[in-house]
Amino acid sequence: MIKLFSVKEKQKKDAAAAANGKAVKQSAGELRLQKDISELDLPKNVSIRFPDGQDKIMNFEITLKPDEGLYKGGAFLFTFAVPSGYPHDPPKVKCLTKVYHPNIDLEGNICLNILREDWKPVLTITAVVYGLNFLFLAPNPDDPLNKEAAQMMQQSPAQFERLVSQSITRGCAIGGDYFPPARGERSG
């Protein structure tokens, strides 16, 4: 269990700010997200970063480094934008690392059912992270965003595996698009 910051510390800060005439009102979404983050249980191959500081928790980044499967050795950066309607509305997640994957398109959109139709308020950020991790362990060509990658995966699995490996380690062009080595950085 990772304790990034405790709810009590945040409450103390808010009370101090209120005493100084700077009332801080948190939305229900912020309160729930704060709870989720305080209970975050990340696998060892995942790290979290708050680019705007830990007081601004509605936007953060996750770096996922698969330790098995086709994408092993890569590092993939995801941004999370959590809406104020969270947990009733799912977080908006984008992959900033350009990756040759059937379930992630060239703009970084992700096809993960719990981020769309199967989202339920009982789900947490931990569930989303495990879902993303699973996408790298078991890409699903039957529900693709990158149709070319899905078609290659189905029709020529060995070629698909070679292209994934090549794109992760040294970068390569696939179908006119260049995939830089996957180091968890922003790419375009």
C-alpha atoms as a PDB file:
ATOM      1  CA  MET A   1       0.000   0.000   0.000  1.00  0.00           C
ATOM      2  CA  ILE A   2       1.433   3.364  -0.977  1.00  0.00           C
ATOM      3  CA  LYS A   3       0.591   6.367   1.178  1.00  0.00           C
ATOM      4  CA  LEU A   4       1.335   9.388  -0.992  1.00  0.00           C
ATOM      5  CA  PHE A   5      -0.177  11.704   1.548  1.00  0.00           C
ATOM      6  CA  SER A   6      -2.704  11.156   4.253  1.00  0.00           C
ATOM      7  CA  VAL A   7      -6.201  12.489   4.334  1.00  0.00           C
ATOM      8  CA  LYS A   8      -5.533  13.923   7.813  1.00  0.00           C
ATOM      9  CA  GLU A   9      -2.553  15.968   6.564  1.00  0.00           C
ATOM     10  CA  LYS A  10      -4.721  17.385   3.801  1.00  0.00           C
ATOM     11  CA  GLN A  11      -7.466  18.208   6.281  1.00  0.00           C
ATOM     12  CA  LYS A  12      -4.933  20.026   8.512  1.00  0.00           C
ATOM     13  CA  LYS A  13      -3.709  22.077   5.533  1.00  0.00           C
ATOM     14  CA  ASP A  14      -7.276  22.919   4.571  1.00  0.00           C
ATOM     15  CA  ALA A  15      -8.095  23.924   8.154  1.00  0.00           C
ATOM     16  CA  ALA A  16      -4.995  26.143   8.283  1.00  0.00           C
ATOM     17  CA  ALA A  17      -5.950  27.731   4.957  1.00  0.00           C
ATOM     18  CA  ALA A  18      -9.500  28.321   6.220  1.00  0.00           C
ATOM     19  CA  ALA A  19      -8.132  29.931   9.395  1.00  0.00           C
ATOM     20  CA  ASN A  20      -6.152  32.322   7.188  1.00  0.00           C
ATOM     21  CA  GLY A  21      -9.287  33.260   5.274  1.00  0.00           C
ATOM     22  CA  LYS A  22      -8.476  31.001   2.327  1.00  0.00           C
ATOM     23  CA  ALA A  23     -11.299  28.493   2.486  1.00  0.00           C
ATOM     24  CA  VAL A  24     -10.604  25.403   0.436  1.00  0.00           C
ATOM     25  CA  LYS A  25     -13.669  23.518  -0.673  1.00  0.00           C
ATOM     26  CA  GLN A  26     -13.154  20.121  -2.197  1.00  0.00           C
ATOM     27  CA  SER A  27     -15.584  18.478  -4.586  1.00  0.00           C
ATOM     28  CA  ALA A  28     -16.913  14.999  -3.910  1.00  0.00           C
ATOM     29  CA  GLY A  29     -14.718  13.811  -6.795  1.00  0.00           C
ATOM     30  CA  GLU A  30     -11.596  15.270  -5.168  1.00  0.00           C
ATOM     31  CA  LEU A  31     -12.448  13.666  -1.837  1.00  0.00           C
ATOM     32  CA  ARG A  32     -12.995  10.259  -3.444  1.00  0.00           C
ATOM     33  CA  LEU A  33      -9.817  10.570  -5.529  1.00  0.00           C
ATOM     34  CA  GLN A  34      -7.860  11.561  -2.426  1.00  0.00           C
ATOM     35  CA  LYS A  35      -9.117   8.380  -0.736  1.00  0.00           C
ATOM     36  CA  ASP A  36      -8.259   6.272  -3.817  1.00  0.00           C
ATOM     37  CA  ILE A  37      -4.745   7.699  -3.967  1.00  0.00           C
ATOM     38  CA  SER A  38      -4.141   7.210  -0.257  1.00  0.00           C
ATOM     39  CA  GLU A  39      -5.086   3.535  -0.724  1.00  0.00           C
ATOM     40  CA  LEU A  40      -3.272   3.149  -4.032  1.00  0.00           C
ATOM     41  CA  ASP A  41      -1.744  -0.288  -4.435  1.00  0.00           C
ATOM     42  CA  LEU A  42       0.556  -0.052  -7.448  1.00  0.00           C
ATOM     43  CA  PRO A  43       2.457  -2.996  -8.880  1.00  0.00           C
ATOM     44  CA  LYS A  44       6.256  -2.621  -8.744  1.00  0.00           C
ATOM     45  CA  ASN A  45       6.386  -1.849 -12.470  1.00  0.00           C
ATOM     46  CA  VAL A  46       4.187   1.265 -12.133  1.00  0.00           C
ATOM     47  CA  SER A  47       5.048   4.729 -10.824  1.00  0.00           C
ATOM     48  CA  ILE A  48       2.915   7.824 -10.270  1.00  0.00           C
ATOM     49  CA  ARG A  49       3.816  11.492 -10.554  1.00  0.00           C
ATOM     50  CA  PHE A  50       1.903  14.677  -9.817  1.00  0.00           C
ATOM     51  CA  PRO A  51       3.353  17.281 -12.219  1.00  0.00           C
ATOM     52  CA  ASP A  52       1.296  20.106 -10.670  1.00  0.00           C
ATOM     53  CA  GLY A  53       2.164  19.101  -7.086  1.00  0.00           C
ATOM     54  CA  GLN A  54       0.411  16.779  -4.656  1.00  0.00           C
ATOM     55  CA  ASP A  55      -2.177  19.438  -3.820  1.00  0.00           C
ATOM     56  CA  LYS A  56      -3.492  19.237  -7.392  1.00  0.00           C
ATOM     57  CA  ILE A  57      -4.454  15.589  -7.555  1.00  0.00           C
ATOM     58  CA  MET A  58      -7.060  15.694 -10.337  1.00  0.00           C
ATOM     59  CA  ASN A  59      -4.313  15.440 -12.980  1.00  0.00           C
ATOM     60  CA  PHE A  60      -1.437  13.020 -12.688  1.00  0.00           C
ATOM     61  CA  GLU A  61       0.806  10.724 -14.698  1.00  0.00           C
ATOM     62  CA  ILE A  62       1.421   7.014 -14.477  1.00  0.00           C
ATOM     63  CA  THR A  63       4.446   5.307 -16.024  1.00  0.00           C
ATOM     64  CA  LEU A  64       3.932   1.636 -16.707  1.00  0.00           C
ATOM     65  CA  LYS A  65       6.909  -0.627 -17.431  1.00  0.00           C
ATOM     66  CA  PRO A  66       5.676  -4.100 -18.402  1.00  0.00           C
ATOM     67  CA  ASP A  67       7.857  -6.784 -16.858  1.00  0.00           C
ATOM     68  CA  GLU A  68       6.541  -9.594 -19.045  1.00  0.00           C
ATOM     69  CA  GLY A  69       4.838 -10.129 -22.398  1.00  0.00           C
ATOM     70  CA  LEU A  70       5.387  -8.534 -25.816  1.00  0.00           C
ATOM     71  CA  TYR A  71       5.847  -5.028 -24.411  1.00  0.00           C
ATOM     72  CA  LYS A  72       8.447  -6.008 -21.794  1.00  0.00           C
ATOM     73  CA  GLY A  73      11.282  -3.490 -21.678  1.00  0.00           C
ATOM     74  CA  GLY A  74       9.142  -0.527 -22.702  1.00  0.00           C
ATOM     75  CA  ALA A  75       8.024   2.377 -20.544  1.00  0.00           C
ATOM     76  CA  PHE A  76       4.655   3.919 -21.307  1.00  0.00           C
ATOM     77  CA  LEU A  77       3.486   7.282 -19.978  1.00  0.00           C
ATOM     78  CA  PHE A  78      -0.219   7.846 -19.307  1.00  0.00           C
ATOM     79  CA  THR A  79      -1.978  11.027 -18.248  1.00  0.00           C
ATOM     80  CA  PHE A  80      -5.032  10.876 -16.022  1.00  0.00           C
ATOM     81  CA  ALA A  81      -7.521  13.752 -15.980  1.00  0.00           C
ATOM     82  CA  VAL A  82     -10.096  13.043 -13.309  1.00  0.00           C
ATOM     83  CA  PRO A  83     -13.406  14.874 -13.801  1.00  0.00           C
ATOM     84  CA  SER A  84     -15.212  16.544 -10.891  1.00  0.00           C
ATOM     85  CA  GLY A  85     -17.992  13.959 -11.347  1.00  0.00           C
ATOM     86  CA  TYR A  86     -15.630  11.155 -10.342  1.00  0.00           C
ATOM     87  CA  PRO A  87     -16.364   8.386  -9.311  1.00  0.00           C
ATOM     88  CA  HIS A  88     -19.611   8.526 -11.297  1.00  0.00           C
ATOM     89  CA  ASP A  89     -17.608   9.553 -14.368  1.00  0.00           C
ATOM     90  CA  PRO A  90     -14.457   7.633 -15.331  1.00  0.00           C
ATOM     91  CA  PRO A  91     -11.062   9.315 -15.499  1.00  0.00           C
ATOM     92  CA  LYS A  92      -9.884  10.423 -18.935  1.00  0.00           C
ATOM     93  CA  VAL A  93      -6.712   8.496 -19.679  1.00  0.00           C
ATOM     94  CA  LYS A  94      -4.321   9.076 -22.595  1.00  0.00           C
ATOM     95  CA  CYS A  95      -1.134   7.301 -23.575  1.00  0.00           C
ATOM     96  CA  LEU A  96       1.565   9.887 -24.353  1.00  0.00           C
ATOM     97  CA  THR A  97       4.073   7.284 -25.534  1.00  0.00           C
ATOM     98  CA  LYS A  98       3.457   6.381 -29.156  1.00  0.00           C
ATOM     99  CA  VAL A  99       3.023   2.615 -29.201  1.00  0.00           C
ATOM    100  CA  TYR A 100       2.174  -0.020 -31.797  1.00  0.00           C
ATOM    101  CA  HIS A 101      -0.747  -1.642 -29.999  1.00  0.00           C
ATOM    102  CA  PRO A 102      -4.173  -2.796 -31.218  1.00  0.00           C
ATOM    103  CA  ASN A 103      -5.967  -1.130 -28.293  1.00  0.00           C
ATOM    104  CA  ILE A 104      -4.148   2.232 -28.343  1.00  0.00           C
ATOM    105  CA  ASP A 105      -4.442   4.492 -31.372  1.00  0.00           C
ATOM    106  CA  LEU A 106      -1.845   6.909 -32.735  1.00  0.00           C
ATOM    107  CA  GLU A 107      -3.403   9.810 -30.767  1.00  0.00           C
ATOM    108  CA  GLY A 108      -3.037   7.915 -27.473  1.00  0.00           C
ATOM    109  CA  ASN A 109      -6.702   7.017 -27.047  1.00  0.00           C
ATOM    110  CA  ILE A 110      -7.179   3.765 -25.158  1.00  0.00           C
ATOM    111  CA  CYS A 111      -9.748   1.046 -25.745  1.00  0.00           C
ATOM    112  CA  LEU A 112     -10.328  -0.287 -22.242  1.00  0.00           C
ATOM    113  CA  ASN A 113     -13.894  -1.244 -21.325  1.00  0.00           C
ATOM    114  CA  ILE A 114     -13.677   0.053 -17.733  1.00  0.00           C
ATOM    115  CA  LEU A 115     -12.877   3.509 -19.091  1.00  0.00           C
ATOM    116  CA  ARG A 116     -16.068   3.434 -21.156  1.00  0.00           C
ATOM    117  CA  GLU A 117     -19.227   1.365 -20.941  1.00  0.00           C
ATOM    118  CA  ASP A 118     -18.151  -0.863 -18.027  1.00  0.00           C
ATOM    119  CA  TRP A 119     -17.164   1.974 -15.684  1.00  0.00           C
ATOM    120  CA  LYS A 120     -18.841   1.775 -12.290  1.00  0.00           C
ATOM    121  CA  PRO A 121     -18.408   4.139  -9.310  1.00  0.00           C
ATOM    122  CA  VAL A 122     -17.002   1.261  -7.218  1.00  0.00           C
ATOM    123  CA  LEU A 123     -13.960   1.089  -9.499  1.00  0.00           C
ATOM    124  CA  THR A 124     -10.793   2.896  -8.420  1.00  0.00           C
ATOM    125  CA  ILE A 125      -7.622   4.293  -9.948  1.00  0.00           C
ATOM    126  CA  THR A 126      -5.919   1.038  -8.926  1.00  0.00           C
ATOM    127  CA  ALA A 127      -8.426  -0.883 -11.088  1.00  0.00           C
ATOM    128  CA  VAL A 128      -7.640   1.361 -14.067  1.00  0.00           C
ATOM    129  CA  VAL A 129      -3.880   0.859 -13.595  1.00  0.00           C
ATOM    130  CA  TYR A 130      -4.323  -2.916 -13.470  1.00  0.00           C
ATOM    131  CA  GLY A 131      -6.520  -2.692 -16.594  1.00  0.00           C
ATOM    132  CA  LEU A 132      -3.798  -0.781 -18.446  1.00  0.00           C
ATOM    133  CA  ASN A 133      -1.217  -3.296 -17.276  1.00  0.00           C
ATOM    134  CA  PHE A 134      -3.414  -6.110 -18.580  1.00  0.00           C
ATOM    135  CA  LEU A 135      -3.646  -4.440 -22.026  1.00  0.00           C
ATOM    136  CA  PHE A 136       0.125  -4.816 -22.335  1.00  0.00           C
ATOM    137  CA  LEU A 137       0.043  -8.438 -21.182  1.00  0.00           C
ATOM    138  CA  ALA A 138      -2.868  -9.464 -23.402  1.00  0.00           C
ATOM    139  CA  PRO A 139      -3.609  -7.063 -26.277  1.00  0.00           C
ATOM    140  CA  ASN A 140      -7.115  -7.611 -27.654  1.00  0.00           C
ATOM    141  CA  PRO A 141      -7.289  -7.551 -31.472  1.00  0.00           C
ATOM    142  CA  ASP A 142     -11.057  -8.166 -31.341  1.00  0.00           C
ATOM    143  CA  ASP A 143     -11.784  -4.659 -29.982  1.00  0.00           C
ATOM    144  CA  PRO A 144      -9.179  -2.468 -31.708  1.00  0.00           C
ATOM    145  CA  LEU A 145      -8.537   1.232 -31.972  1.00  0.00           C
ATOM    146  CA  ASN A 146      -5.484   0.614 -34.155  1.00  0.00           C
ATOM    147  CA  LYS A 147      -7.044  -1.649 -36.777  1.00  0.00           C
ATOM    148  CA  GLU A 148      -3.770  -2.158 -38.665  1.00  0.00           C
ATOM    149  CA  ALA A 149      -2.010  -3.454 -35.536  1.00  0.00           C
ATOM    150  CA  ALA A 150      -4.978  -5.709 -34.738  1.00  0.00           C
ATOM    151  CA  GLN A 151      -5.017  -7.101 -38.274  1.00  0.00           C
ATOM    152  CA  MET A 152      -1.260  -7.743 -38.151  1.00  0.00           C
ATOM    153  CA  MET A 153      -1.609  -9.420 -34.744  1.00  0.00           C
ATOM    154  CA  GLN A 154      -4.307 -11.758 -36.060  1.00  0.00           C
ATOM    155  CA  GLN A 155      -2.899 -12.511 -39.512  1.00  0.00           C
ATOM    156  CA  SER A 156       0.825 -12.597 -38.785  1.00  0.00           C
ATOM    157  CA  PRO A 157       1.525 -12.966 -35.045  1.00  0.00           C
ATOM    158  CA  ALA A 158       5.282 -13.482 -35.550  1.00  0.00           C
ATOM    159  CA  GLN A 159       5.553 -10.301 -37.666  1.00  0.00           C
ATOM    160  CA  PHE A 160       3.474  -8.387 -35.103  1.00  0.00           C
ATOM    161  CA  GLU A 161       5.745  -9.570 -32.280  1.00  0.00           C
ATOM    162  CA  ARG A 162       8.856  -8.577 -34.260  1.00  0.00           C
ATOM    163  CA  LEU A 163       7.468  -5.084 -34.986  1.00  0.00           C
ATOM    164  CA  VAL A 164       6.464  -4.532 -31.347  1.00  0.00           C
ATOM    165  CA  SER A 165       9.921  -5.586 -30.156  1.00  0.00           C
ATOM    166  CA  GLN A 166      11.665  -3.427 -32.733  1.00  0.00           C
ATOM    167  CA  SER A 167       9.498  -0.382 -31.992  1.00  0.00           C
ATOM    168  CA  ILE A 168      10.118  -0.659 -28.235  1.00  0.00           C
ATOM    169  CA  THR A 169      13.865  -1.203 -28.289  1.00  0.00           C
ATOM    170  CA  ARG A 170      15.134   0.997 -31.088  1.00  0.00           C
ATOM    171  CA  GLY A 171      12.123   2.528 -32.771  1.00  0.00           C
ATOM    172  CA  CYS A 172      10.881   1.856 -36.283  1.00  0.00           C
ATOM    173  CA  ALA A 173       8.464   2.933 -38.976  1.00  0.00           C
ATOM    174  CA  ILE A 174       5.323   0.854 -39.362  1.00  0.00           C
ATOM    175  CA  GLY A 175       2.871   1.640 -42.119  1.00  0.00           C
ATOM    176  CA  GLY A 176       4.224   5.159 -42.605  1.00  0.00           C
ATOM    177  CA  ASP A 177       4.169   6.043 -38.896  1.00  0.00           C
ATOM    178  CA  TYR A 178       7.356   6.256 -36.858  1.00  0.00           C
ATOM    179  CA  PHE A 179       7.316   4.703 -33.391  1.00  0.00           C
ATOM    180  CA  PRO A 180      10.215   6.028 -31.298  1.00  0.00           C
ATOM    181  CA  PRO A 181      11.760   3.726 -28.672  1.00  0.00           C
ATOM    182  CA  ALA A 182       9.327   3.342 -25.757  1.00  0.00           C
ATOM    183  CA  ARG A 183      10.940   5.114 -22.831  1.00  0.00           C
ATOM    184  CA  GLY A 184       7.841   6.517 -21.146  1.00  0.00           C
ATOM    185  CA  GLU A 185       8.227   9.978 -22.640  1.00  0.00           C
ATOM    186  CA  ARG A 186       5.889  12.150 -24.593  1.00  0.00           C
ATOM    187  CA  SER A 187       6.114  11.407 -28.294  1.00  0.00           C
ATOM    188  CA  GLY A 188       4.384  12.492 -31.396  1.00  0.00           C
END
